[in-house]
Amino acid sequence: MSGISRHLSASARTAAFLVAALLLSSCSAAGQAERMDGCLDDVLRAGADPTPSPLLPGGSLRDAAEPLLQAVDADPVHFADAFLDGSHSTVCVLYVDSEAEAKARLGSATEGLPIEWVPVRYSAAELGGVRAEVLEIWQRAGIDKINAVSVDARTNRVVVSLAAADGALEEELMARFGDAVVVEVGPPDEGA
């Protein structure tokens, strides 16, 4: 048992493994896994006690990064997400402008933190808007046609899970949203 998972209950470990499997499967889209290499959130750490960071004496990276995480959440127009990559002891910041502009926007919240800057195409606000529009399509298309609609900030896409193949609906989604959406057909994977 890893040092991380020993801090989790059996049910929390099971849930974390399922979430990790879904995250990893969503990164298998062409080019996404490579672009996000080294920047996938260590899902198990989310439920574990914070691990002291060697770069932050006496404190955890999670505690030290909290102002940065809050600043990114407060600016959904210029950022897609920020999260801890526990396996690399790094804070990953997904930004839509230039790296210099992203650093300037976050200012002192970045001081002393190990950060991996990841450029992405869509901001959290844009992805949220796409999700809202897809939900409207879902209402129109019928509740039985779409299983789920979610924002996956780490792959920088809105994931639409269709209950069954529906060429017209798939075409409408792709024509309207382009690569901002990923359409999956069939029931969501159960830990595959």
N, C-alpha and C. Protein backbone atom coordinates (compact mmCIF):
# COMPACT_ATOMS: atom_id res chain seq x y z
N MET A 1 0.85 -1.18 0.00
CA MET A 1 0.00 0.00 0.00
C MET A 1 0.89 1.24 0.00
N SER A 2 0.59 2.19 -0.82
CA SER A 2 1.43 3.39 -0.91
C SER A 2 1.26 4.26 0.31
N GLY A 3 2.17 5.18 0.49
CA GLY A 3 2.08 6.11 1.60
C GLY A 3 0.85 6.99 1.52
N ILE A 4 0.41 7.27 0.33
CA ILE A 4 -0.77 8.11 0.16
C ILE A 4 -2.03 7.34 0.50
N SER A 5 -2.18 6.14 -0.06
CA SER A 5 -3.43 5.42 0.09
C SER A 5 -3.64 4.91 1.51
N ARG A 6 -2.59 4.78 2.31
CA ARG A 6 -2.81 4.30 3.67
C ARG A 6 -3.58 5.33 4.52
N HIS A 7 -3.63 6.59 4.09
CA HIS A 7 -4.36 7.62 4.82
C HIS A 7 -5.84 7.61 4.48
N LEU A 8 -6.26 6.82 3.48
CA LEU A 8 -7.63 6.81 3.02
C LEU A 8 -8.36 5.57 3.51
N SER A 9 -9.66 5.71 3.77
CA SER A 9 -10.47 4.54 4.09
C SER A 9 -10.62 3.69 2.84
N ALA A 10 -11.07 2.46 3.01
CA ALA A 10 -11.24 1.56 1.86
C ALA A 10 -12.21 2.15 0.85
N SER A 11 -13.32 2.72 1.31
CA SER A 11 -14.29 3.28 0.36
C SER A 11 -13.73 4.52 -0.34
N ALA A 12 -12.95 5.32 0.38
CA ALA A 12 -12.34 6.50 -0.25
C ALA A 12 -11.30 6.08 -1.27
N ARG A 13 -10.52 4.99 -0.97
CA ARG A 13 -9.54 4.48 -1.93
C ARG A 13 -10.24 3.99 -3.19
N THR A 14 -11.34 3.26 -3.02
CA THR A 14 -12.09 2.76 -4.18
C THR A 14 -12.57 3.92 -5.03
N ALA A 15 -13.17 4.92 -4.40
CA ALA A 15 -13.67 6.09 -5.14
C ALA A 15 -12.52 6.81 -5.83
N ALA A 16 -11.39 6.95 -5.15
CA ALA A 16 -10.24 7.64 -5.73
C ALA A 16 -9.71 6.89 -6.94
N PHE A 17 -9.65 5.56 -6.85
CA PHE A 17 -9.16 4.78 -7.99
C PHE A 17 -10.10 4.91 -9.18
N LEU A 18 -11.43 4.92 -8.93
CA LEU A 18 -12.38 5.08 -10.03
C LEU A 18 -12.23 6.44 -10.69
N VAL A 19 -12.09 7.49 -9.88
CA VAL A 19 -11.91 8.83 -10.43
C VAL A 19 -10.60 8.90 -11.20
N ALA A 20 -9.54 8.30 -10.66
CA ALA A 20 -8.25 8.31 -11.35
C ALA A 20 -8.35 7.61 -12.70
N ALA A 21 -9.06 6.49 -12.74
CA ALA A 21 -9.22 5.76 -14.01
C ALA A 21 -9.97 6.61 -15.03
N LEU A 22 -11.02 7.31 -14.57
CA LEU A 22 -11.77 8.16 -15.49
C LEU A 22 -10.92 9.31 -15.99
N LEU A 23 -10.14 9.93 -15.10
CA LEU A 23 -9.27 11.02 -15.52
C LEU A 23 -8.23 10.55 -16.53
N LEU A 24 -7.62 9.42 -16.25
CA LEU A 24 -6.60 8.91 -17.16
C LEU A 24 -7.20 8.53 -18.50
N SER A 25 -8.40 7.93 -18.50
CA SER A 25 -9.02 7.56 -19.77
C SER A 25 -9.40 8.80 -20.57
N SER A 26 -9.76 9.89 -19.89
CA SER A 26 -10.13 11.10 -20.62
C SER A 26 -8.90 11.78 -21.21
N CYS A 27 -7.72 11.47 -20.70
CA CYS A 27 -6.49 12.06 -21.23
C CYS A 27 -5.96 11.29 -22.42
N SER A 28 -6.61 10.21 -22.79
CA SER A 28 -6.09 9.40 -23.88
C SER A 28 -6.41 9.99 -25.24
N ALA A 29 -7.20 11.05 -25.28
CA ALA A 29 -7.48 11.71 -26.56
C ALA A 29 -6.16 12.15 -27.18
N ALA A 30 -6.11 12.15 -28.49
CA ALA A 30 -4.87 12.45 -29.21
C ALA A 30 -4.19 13.70 -28.68
N GLY A 31 -2.96 13.53 -28.24
CA GLY A 31 -2.15 14.67 -27.82
C GLY A 31 -2.39 15.14 -26.40
N GLN A 32 -3.51 14.79 -25.79
CA GLN A 32 -3.83 15.32 -24.47
C GLN A 32 -2.90 14.76 -23.40
N ALA A 33 -2.64 13.46 -23.43
CA ALA A 33 -1.80 12.86 -22.40
C ALA A 33 -0.40 13.46 -22.46
N GLU A 34 0.13 13.65 -23.66
CA GLU A 34 1.47 14.21 -23.78
C GLU A 34 1.52 15.65 -23.29
N ARG A 35 0.49 16.44 -23.62
CA ARG A 35 0.49 17.84 -23.24
C ARG A 35 0.38 17.99 -21.74
N MET A 36 -0.36 17.10 -21.13
CA MET A 36 -0.55 17.19 -19.69
C MET A 36 0.45 16.32 -18.92
N ASP A 37 1.44 15.76 -19.63
CA ASP A 37 2.42 14.89 -19.00
C ASP A 37 3.00 15.56 -17.76
N GLY A 38 2.99 14.83 -16.68
CA GLY A 38 3.55 15.35 -15.44
C GLY A 38 2.65 16.32 -14.73
N CYS A 39 1.44 16.51 -15.22
CA CYS A 39 0.58 17.50 -14.60
C CYS A 39 -0.80 16.94 -14.27
N LEU A 40 -0.95 15.61 -14.24
CA LEU A 40 -2.21 15.03 -13.79
C LEU A 40 -2.25 15.10 -12.27
N ASP A 41 -3.35 15.50 -11.77
CA ASP A 41 -3.52 15.59 -10.32
C ASP A 41 -3.42 14.22 -9.69
N ASP A 42 -2.70 14.10 -8.62
CA ASP A 42 -2.62 12.85 -7.89
C ASP A 42 -3.91 12.73 -7.09
N VAL A 43 -4.88 12.02 -7.66
CA VAL A 43 -6.23 11.96 -7.10
C VAL A 43 -6.20 11.42 -5.68
N LEU A 44 -5.34 10.48 -5.41
CA LEU A 44 -5.30 9.91 -4.08
C LEU A 44 -4.94 10.94 -3.02
N ARG A 45 -4.10 11.90 -3.38
CA ARG A 45 -3.68 12.90 -2.41
C ARG A 45 -4.83 13.79 -1.98
N ALA A 46 -5.88 13.88 -2.79
CA ALA A 46 -7.00 14.76 -2.47
C ALA A 46 -7.63 14.38 -1.14
N GLY A 47 -7.65 13.12 -0.80
CA GLY A 47 -8.25 12.70 0.46
C GLY A 47 -7.23 12.42 1.54
N ALA A 48 -5.96 12.54 1.25
CA ALA A 48 -4.92 12.21 2.21
C ALA A 48 -4.51 13.43 3.02
N ASP A 49 -3.81 13.16 4.11
CA ASP A 49 -3.25 14.26 4.88
C ASP A 49 -2.22 14.97 4.03
N PRO A 50 -2.14 16.29 4.11
CA PRO A 50 -1.15 17.00 3.30
C PRO A 50 0.26 16.52 3.63
N THR A 51 1.05 16.34 2.60
CA THR A 51 2.43 15.89 2.77
C THR A 51 3.33 17.11 2.85
N PRO A 52 4.21 17.17 3.85
CA PRO A 52 5.11 18.31 3.92
C PRO A 52 5.94 18.40 2.65
N SER A 53 6.12 19.59 2.16
CA SER A 53 6.91 19.80 0.96
C SER A 53 8.34 20.14 1.35
N PRO A 54 9.32 19.51 0.69
CA PRO A 54 10.70 19.83 1.02
C PRO A 54 11.04 21.28 0.68
N LEU A 55 10.25 21.89 -0.19
CA LEU A 55 10.51 23.28 -0.57
C LEU A 55 9.86 24.27 0.39
N LEU A 56 8.98 23.79 1.24
CA LEU A 56 8.25 24.66 2.16
C LEU A 56 8.42 24.13 3.57
N PRO A 57 9.51 24.48 4.22
CA PRO A 57 9.79 23.93 5.55
C PRO A 57 8.62 24.14 6.51
N GLY A 58 8.24 23.04 7.16
CA GLY A 58 7.21 23.12 8.19
C GLY A 58 5.78 23.22 7.66
N GLY A 59 5.59 23.26 6.36
CA GLY A 59 4.24 23.38 5.85
C GLY A 59 4.00 22.46 4.68
N SER A 60 2.77 22.41 4.24
CA SER A 60 2.46 21.56 3.10
C SER A 60 2.31 22.41 1.85
N LEU A 61 2.52 21.79 0.73
CA LEU A 61 2.34 22.48 -0.55
C LEU A 61 0.89 22.91 -0.70
N ARG A 62 -0.03 22.06 -0.25
CA ARG A 62 -1.45 22.39 -0.33
C ARG A 62 -1.76 23.68 0.42
N ASP A 63 -1.26 23.80 1.64
CA ASP A 63 -1.50 25.01 2.43
C ASP A 63 -0.86 26.23 1.77
N ALA A 64 0.37 26.07 1.32
CA ALA A 64 1.08 27.19 0.70
C ALA A 64 0.43 27.63 -0.61
N ALA A 65 -0.16 26.68 -1.33
CA ALA A 65 -0.75 26.99 -2.64
C ALA A 65 -2.17 27.52 -2.55
N GLU A 66 -2.78 27.49 -1.39
CA GLU A 66 -4.18 27.90 -1.28
C GLU A 66 -4.46 29.30 -1.84
N PRO A 67 -3.65 30.32 -1.55
CA PRO A 67 -3.91 31.63 -2.15
C PRO A 67 -3.86 31.60 -3.69
N LEU A 68 -2.94 30.82 -4.23
CA LEU A 68 -2.83 30.70 -5.68
C LEU A 68 -4.07 30.00 -6.25
N LEU A 69 -4.48 28.90 -5.63
CA LEU A 69 -5.66 28.17 -6.09
C LEU A 69 -6.91 29.07 -6.05
N GLN A 70 -7.04 29.86 -4.99
CA GLN A 70 -8.17 30.78 -4.88
C GLN A 70 -8.11 31.88 -5.94
N ALA A 71 -6.91 32.38 -6.21
CA ALA A 71 -6.76 33.43 -7.23
C ALA A 71 -7.14 32.91 -8.61
N VAL A 72 -6.75 31.68 -8.93
CA VAL A 72 -7.11 31.09 -10.23
C VAL A 72 -8.62 30.89 -10.30
N ASP A 73 -9.22 30.36 -9.24
CA ASP A 73 -10.68 30.17 -9.22
C ASP A 73 -11.43 31.50 -9.38
N ALA A 74 -10.85 32.57 -8.85
CA ALA A 74 -11.50 33.88 -8.92
C ALA A 74 -11.37 34.54 -10.29
N ASP A 75 -10.58 33.97 -11.19
CA ASP A 75 -10.36 34.56 -12.51
C ASP A 75 -10.61 33.52 -13.61
N PRO A 76 -11.88 33.11 -13.78
CA PRO A 76 -12.19 32.06 -14.77
C PRO A 76 -12.07 32.51 -16.22
N VAL A 77 -11.85 33.80 -16.45
CA VAL A 77 -11.71 34.30 -17.81
C VAL A 77 -10.30 34.04 -18.35
N HIS A 78 -9.30 34.05 -17.46
CA HIS A 78 -7.91 33.91 -17.89
C HIS A 78 -7.27 32.57 -17.53
N PHE A 79 -7.98 31.76 -16.74
CA PHE A 79 -7.43 30.48 -16.31
C PHE A 79 -8.47 29.38 -16.49
N ALA A 80 -8.00 28.14 -16.67
CA ALA A 80 -8.90 27.00 -16.76
C ALA A 80 -8.96 26.26 -15.42
N ASP A 81 -7.82 26.18 -14.73
CA ASP A 81 -7.78 25.45 -13.47
C ASP A 81 -6.38 25.56 -12.88
N ALA A 82 -6.27 25.18 -11.63
CA ALA A 82 -4.98 25.01 -10.96
C ALA A 82 -5.18 23.86 -9.98
N PHE A 83 -4.19 23.00 -9.88
CA PHE A 83 -4.32 21.85 -9.00
C PHE A 83 -2.94 21.37 -8.60
N LEU A 84 -2.92 20.56 -7.54
CA LEU A 84 -1.67 19.98 -7.07
C LEU A 84 -1.38 18.70 -7.81
N ASP A 85 -0.15 18.57 -8.25
CA ASP A 85 0.33 17.32 -8.81
C ASP A 85 1.23 16.73 -7.75
N GLY A 86 0.64 15.94 -6.89
CA GLY A 86 1.34 15.43 -5.72
C GLY A 86 2.56 14.60 -6.04
N SER A 87 2.53 13.87 -7.13
CA SER A 87 3.68 13.02 -7.44
C SER A 87 4.90 13.84 -7.84
N HIS A 88 4.68 15.05 -8.26
CA HIS A 88 5.81 15.91 -8.63
C HIS A 88 5.99 17.08 -7.66
N SER A 89 5.15 17.14 -6.63
CA SER A 89 5.19 18.25 -5.67
C SER A 89 5.18 19.59 -6.39
N THR A 90 4.23 19.72 -7.30
CA THR A 90 4.12 20.91 -8.15
C THR A 90 2.67 21.38 -8.19
N VAL A 91 2.50 22.68 -8.35
CA VAL A 91 1.18 23.24 -8.61
C VAL A 91 1.10 23.46 -10.12
N CYS A 92 0.10 22.87 -10.75
CA CYS A 92 -0.09 23.05 -12.18
C CYS A 92 -1.11 24.17 -12.39
N VAL A 93 -0.77 25.13 -13.21
CA VAL A 93 -1.65 26.26 -13.51
C VAL A 93 -1.96 26.22 -15.00
N LEU A 94 -3.24 26.07 -15.34
CA LEU A 94 -3.69 26.03 -16.72
C LEU A 94 -4.20 27.42 -17.09
N TYR A 95 -3.54 28.07 -18.04
CA TYR A 95 -3.83 29.45 -18.38
C TYR A 95 -4.12 29.59 -19.87
N VAL A 96 -4.84 30.67 -20.24
CA VAL A 96 -5.18 30.87 -21.65
C VAL A 96 -4.39 32.00 -22.30
N ASP A 97 -3.86 32.91 -21.54
CA ASP A 97 -3.06 34.00 -22.11
C ASP A 97 -1.61 33.55 -22.20
N SER A 98 -0.72 34.49 -22.36
CA SER A 98 0.70 34.13 -22.34
C SER A 98 1.11 33.80 -20.91
N GLU A 99 2.19 33.06 -20.79
CA GLU A 99 2.69 32.70 -19.46
C GLU A 99 3.04 33.96 -18.66
N ALA A 100 3.63 34.94 -19.32
CA ALA A 100 4.00 36.18 -18.63
C ALA A 100 2.75 36.89 -18.08
N GLU A 101 1.68 36.93 -18.88
CA GLU A 101 0.44 37.55 -18.41
C GLU A 101 -0.16 36.77 -17.26
N ALA A 102 -0.12 35.43 -17.32
CA ALA A 102 -0.66 34.60 -16.25
C ALA A 102 0.11 34.86 -14.95
N LYS A 103 1.43 34.91 -15.05
CA LYS A 103 2.25 35.17 -13.87
C LYS A 103 1.94 36.54 -13.29
N ALA A 104 1.78 37.53 -14.15
CA ALA A 104 1.48 38.88 -13.68
C ALA A 104 0.12 38.94 -12.98
N ARG A 105 -0.87 38.23 -13.53
CA ARG A 105 -2.21 38.23 -12.94
C ARG A 105 -2.21 37.61 -11.54
N LEU A 106 -1.36 36.61 -11.33
CA LEU A 106 -1.34 35.93 -10.04
C LEU A 106 -0.39 36.58 -9.04
N GLY A 107 0.54 37.37 -9.54
CA GLY A 107 1.43 38.16 -8.68
C GLY A 107 2.08 37.38 -7.57
N SER A 108 1.97 37.90 -6.36
CA SER A 108 2.68 37.32 -5.21
C SER A 108 2.13 35.97 -4.79
N ALA A 109 0.97 35.56 -5.30
CA ALA A 109 0.42 34.25 -4.93
C ALA A 109 1.30 33.11 -5.43
N THR A 110 2.21 33.40 -6.36
CA THR A 110 3.09 32.35 -6.92
C THR A 110 4.42 32.24 -6.19
N GLU A 111 4.72 33.18 -5.33
CA GLU A 111 6.05 33.24 -4.70
C GLU A 111 6.37 31.98 -3.91
N GLY A 112 7.54 31.42 -4.20
CA GLY A 112 8.05 30.28 -3.47
C GLY A 112 7.41 28.95 -3.81
N LEU A 113 6.53 28.93 -4.79
CA LEU A 113 5.84 27.69 -5.15
C LEU A 113 6.46 27.05 -6.39
N PRO A 114 6.59 25.73 -6.38
CA PRO A 114 7.01 25.05 -7.60
C PRO A 114 5.79 24.97 -8.54
N ILE A 115 5.87 25.63 -9.69
CA ILE A 115 4.71 25.74 -10.58
C ILE A 115 5.06 25.22 -11.96
N GLU A 116 4.16 24.46 -12.53
CA GLU A 116 4.25 24.08 -13.94
C GLU A 116 3.16 24.87 -14.65
N TRP A 117 3.56 25.70 -15.59
CA TRP A 117 2.64 26.55 -16.34
C TRP A 117 2.22 25.80 -17.60
N VAL A 118 0.90 25.57 -17.76
CA VAL A 118 0.39 24.77 -18.87
C VAL A 118 -0.57 25.64 -19.70
N PRO A 119 -0.18 25.97 -20.93
CA PRO A 119 -1.08 26.76 -21.78
C PRO A 119 -2.23 25.88 -22.29
N VAL A 120 -3.44 26.42 -22.25
CA VAL A 120 -4.62 25.71 -22.75
C VAL A 120 -5.41 26.65 -23.65
N ARG A 121 -6.31 26.10 -24.42
CA ARG A 121 -7.08 26.90 -25.37
C ARG A 121 -8.30 27.59 -24.74
N TYR A 122 -8.98 26.88 -23.83
CA TYR A 122 -10.24 27.38 -23.29
C TYR A 122 -10.13 27.73 -21.80
N SER A 123 -10.73 28.84 -21.42
CA SER A 123 -10.76 29.24 -20.01
C SER A 123 -11.89 28.49 -19.30
N ALA A 124 -11.89 28.56 -17.98
CA ALA A 124 -12.97 27.95 -17.20
C ALA A 124 -14.31 28.58 -17.56
N ALA A 125 -14.32 29.89 -17.82
CA ALA A 125 -15.57 30.57 -18.20
C ALA A 125 -16.08 30.05 -19.54
N GLU A 126 -15.17 29.88 -20.49
CA GLU A 126 -15.57 29.37 -21.81
C GLU A 126 -16.11 27.95 -21.70
N LEU A 127 -15.42 27.10 -20.96
CA LEU A 127 -15.88 25.72 -20.80
C LEU A 127 -17.21 25.67 -20.05
N GLY A 128 -17.37 26.54 -19.07
CA GLY A 128 -18.65 26.60 -18.36
C GLY A 128 -19.78 27.04 -19.27
N GLY A 129 -19.49 27.97 -20.17
CA GLY A 129 -20.50 28.41 -21.14
C GLY A 129 -20.87 27.31 -22.11
N VAL A 130 -19.87 26.56 -22.58
CA VAL A 130 -20.14 25.43 -23.48
C VAL A 130 -20.98 24.40 -22.74
N ARG A 131 -20.64 24.10 -21.50
CA ARG A 131 -21.40 23.13 -20.72
C ARG A 131 -22.86 23.58 -20.59
N ALA A 132 -23.08 24.85 -20.30
CA ALA A 132 -24.45 25.37 -20.16
C ALA A 132 -25.23 25.21 -21.47
N GLU A 133 -24.58 25.49 -22.59
CA GLU A 133 -25.25 25.33 -23.88
C GLU A 133 -25.55 23.87 -24.18
N VAL A 134 -24.62 22.98 -23.83
CA VAL A 134 -24.86 21.55 -24.05
C VAL A 134 -26.01 21.08 -23.17
N LEU A 135 -26.11 21.60 -21.96
CA LEU A 135 -27.24 21.23 -21.09
C LEU A 135 -28.57 21.66 -21.71
N GLU A 136 -28.59 22.81 -22.38
CA GLU A 136 -29.80 23.24 -23.08
C GLU A 136 -30.14 22.27 -24.21
N ILE A 137 -29.13 21.84 -24.94
CA ILE A 137 -29.34 20.85 -26.02
C ILE A 137 -29.86 19.55 -25.41
N TRP A 138 -29.32 19.17 -24.26
CA TRP A 138 -29.75 17.96 -23.57
C TRP A 138 -31.24 18.03 -23.26
N GLN A 139 -31.70 19.16 -22.75
CA GLN A 139 -33.12 19.32 -22.44
C GLN A 139 -33.97 19.18 -23.70
N ARG A 140 -33.49 19.76 -24.78
CA ARG A 140 -34.23 19.69 -26.03
C ARG A 140 -34.21 18.29 -26.64
N ALA A 141 -33.04 17.63 -26.57
CA ALA A 141 -32.88 16.31 -27.18
C ALA A 141 -33.58 15.21 -26.39
N GLY A 142 -33.76 15.43 -25.11
CA GLY A 142 -34.40 14.43 -24.27
C GLY A 142 -33.43 13.84 -23.28
N ILE A 143 -33.92 13.64 -22.08
CA ILE A 143 -33.08 13.19 -20.99
C ILE A 143 -32.46 11.82 -21.26
N ASP A 144 -33.10 11.00 -22.10
CA ASP A 144 -32.60 9.66 -22.35
C ASP A 144 -31.47 9.60 -23.37
N LYS A 145 -31.18 10.69 -24.04
CA LYS A 145 -30.15 10.68 -25.08
C LYS A 145 -28.74 10.95 -24.55
N ILE A 146 -28.65 11.69 -23.47
CA ILE A 146 -27.33 12.07 -22.94
C ILE A 146 -27.21 11.55 -21.51
N ASN A 147 -26.12 10.84 -21.24
CA ASN A 147 -25.87 10.32 -19.88
C ASN A 147 -25.33 11.38 -18.95
N ALA A 148 -24.37 12.17 -19.44
CA ALA A 148 -23.70 13.13 -18.57
C ALA A 148 -23.03 14.22 -19.38
N VAL A 149 -22.88 15.39 -18.75
CA VAL A 149 -22.15 16.51 -19.33
C VAL A 149 -21.27 17.06 -18.22
N SER A 150 -19.96 17.12 -18.46
CA SER A 150 -19.06 17.60 -17.43
C SER A 150 -17.90 18.38 -18.04
N VAL A 151 -17.34 19.27 -17.24
CA VAL A 151 -16.14 20.00 -17.65
C VAL A 151 -14.95 19.23 -17.11
N ASP A 152 -14.02 18.91 -17.98
CA ASP A 152 -12.77 18.29 -17.59
C ASP A 152 -11.68 19.33 -17.84
N ALA A 153 -11.40 20.11 -16.82
CA ALA A 153 -10.44 21.21 -16.97
C ALA A 153 -9.05 20.71 -17.33
N ARG A 154 -8.69 19.53 -16.86
CA ARG A 154 -7.34 19.03 -17.11
C ARG A 154 -7.11 18.67 -18.57
N THR A 155 -8.16 18.22 -19.27
CA THR A 155 -8.03 17.99 -20.71
C THR A 155 -8.54 19.18 -21.49
N ASN A 156 -9.09 20.17 -20.78
CA ASN A 156 -9.57 21.42 -21.35
C ASN A 156 -10.70 21.18 -22.36
N ARG A 157 -11.64 20.34 -21.96
CA ARG A 157 -12.78 20.00 -22.81
C ARG A 157 -14.04 19.80 -21.98
N VAL A 158 -15.19 19.89 -22.63
CA VAL A 158 -16.45 19.49 -22.04
C VAL A 158 -16.73 18.09 -22.57
N VAL A 159 -16.95 17.16 -21.66
CA VAL A 159 -17.18 15.77 -22.02
C VAL A 159 -18.68 15.52 -22.04
N VAL A 160 -19.18 15.05 -23.20
CA VAL A 160 -20.59 14.73 -23.37
C VAL A 160 -20.69 13.23 -23.59
N SER A 161 -21.39 12.56 -22.69
CA SER A 161 -21.54 11.11 -22.78
C SER A 161 -22.95 10.82 -23.29
N LEU A 162 -23.04 10.29 -24.51
CA LEU A 162 -24.33 9.93 -25.10
C LEU A 162 -24.72 8.52 -24.70
N ALA A 163 -26.02 8.29 -24.50
CA ALA A 163 -26.52 6.97 -24.12
C ALA A 163 -26.32 5.98 -25.26
N ALA A 164 -26.47 6.45 -26.49
CA ALA A 164 -26.30 5.60 -27.67
C ALA A 164 -25.88 6.50 -28.83
N ALA A 165 -25.34 5.87 -29.85
CA ALA A 165 -24.92 6.65 -31.03
C ALA A 165 -26.11 7.42 -31.59
N ASP A 166 -25.88 8.69 -31.87
CA ASP A 166 -26.90 9.54 -32.45
C ASP A 166 -26.18 10.51 -33.37
N GLY A 167 -26.06 10.12 -34.64
CA GLY A 167 -25.28 10.88 -35.60
C GLY A 167 -25.67 12.34 -35.68
N ALA A 168 -26.97 12.62 -35.69
CA ALA A 168 -27.42 14.00 -35.81
C ALA A 168 -27.00 14.82 -34.58
N LEU A 169 -27.15 14.26 -33.39
CA LEU A 169 -26.78 14.96 -32.17
C LEU A 169 -25.26 15.16 -32.10
N GLU A 170 -24.51 14.12 -32.45
CA GLU A 170 -23.05 14.23 -32.46
C GLU A 170 -22.60 15.31 -33.44
N GLU A 171 -23.18 15.32 -34.63
CA GLU A 171 -22.84 16.34 -35.63
C GLU A 171 -23.17 17.73 -35.13
N GLU A 172 -24.34 17.89 -34.50
CA GLU A 172 -24.73 19.20 -33.97
C GLU A 172 -23.73 19.68 -32.93
N LEU A 173 -23.35 18.79 -32.02
CA LEU A 173 -22.39 19.16 -30.97
C LEU A 173 -21.03 19.55 -31.56
N MET A 174 -20.55 18.74 -32.50
CA MET A 174 -19.24 19.02 -33.08
C MET A 174 -19.27 20.28 -33.95
N ALA A 175 -20.36 20.47 -34.70
CA ALA A 175 -20.47 21.67 -35.54
C ALA A 175 -20.55 22.93 -34.69
N ARG A 176 -21.26 22.84 -33.59
CA ARG A 176 -21.48 24.02 -32.76
C ARG A 176 -20.29 24.34 -31.86
N PHE A 177 -19.62 23.30 -31.34
CA PHE A 177 -18.58 23.53 -30.33
C PHE A 177 -17.18 23.10 -30.76
N GLY A 178 -17.04 22.41 -31.86
CA GLY A 178 -15.72 22.00 -32.32
C GLY A 178 -14.97 21.19 -31.29
N ASP A 179 -13.68 21.49 -31.15
CA ASP A 179 -12.87 20.69 -30.24
C ASP A 179 -13.03 21.07 -28.77
N ALA A 180 -13.98 21.94 -28.46
CA ALA A 180 -14.26 22.26 -27.06
C ALA A 180 -15.03 21.12 -26.39
N VAL A 181 -15.58 20.20 -27.21
CA VAL A 181 -16.31 19.06 -26.65
C VAL A 181 -15.67 17.75 -27.10
N VAL A 182 -15.81 16.76 -26.25
CA VAL A 182 -15.45 15.39 -26.58
C VAL A 182 -16.74 14.60 -26.39
N VAL A 183 -17.15 13.90 -27.44
CA VAL A 183 -18.38 13.11 -27.39
C VAL A 183 -18.01 11.65 -27.21
N GLU A 184 -18.57 11.05 -26.16
CA GLU A 184 -18.38 9.64 -25.89
C GLU A 184 -19.73 8.96 -26.06
N VAL A 185 -19.73 7.74 -26.56
CA VAL A 185 -20.97 7.01 -26.76
C VAL A 185 -20.99 5.79 -25.87
N GLY A 186 -22.12 5.58 -25.22
CA GLY A 186 -22.28 4.41 -24.36
C GLY A 186 -22.20 4.81 -22.91
N PRO A 187 -22.42 3.83 -22.05
CA PRO A 187 -22.38 4.13 -20.61
C PRO A 187 -20.97 4.55 -20.19
N PRO A 188 -20.87 5.40 -19.18
CA PRO A 188 -19.55 5.80 -18.70
C PRO A 188 -18.76 4.56 -18.27
N ASP A 189 -17.45 4.58 -18.54
CA ASP A 189 -16.58 3.46 -18.16
C ASP A 189 -16.63 3.26 -16.66
N GLU A 190 -16.67 2.01 -16.24
CA GLU A 190 -16.65 1.68 -14.82
C GLU A 190 -15.27 1.19 -14.44
N GLY A 191 -14.32 2.13 -14.34
CA GLY A 191 -12.97 1.77 -13.92
C GLY A 191 -12.10 1.17 -15.01
N ALA A 192 -12.49 1.35 -16.27
CA ALA A 192 -11.69 0.79 -17.37
C ALA A 192 -10.43 1.56 -17.57
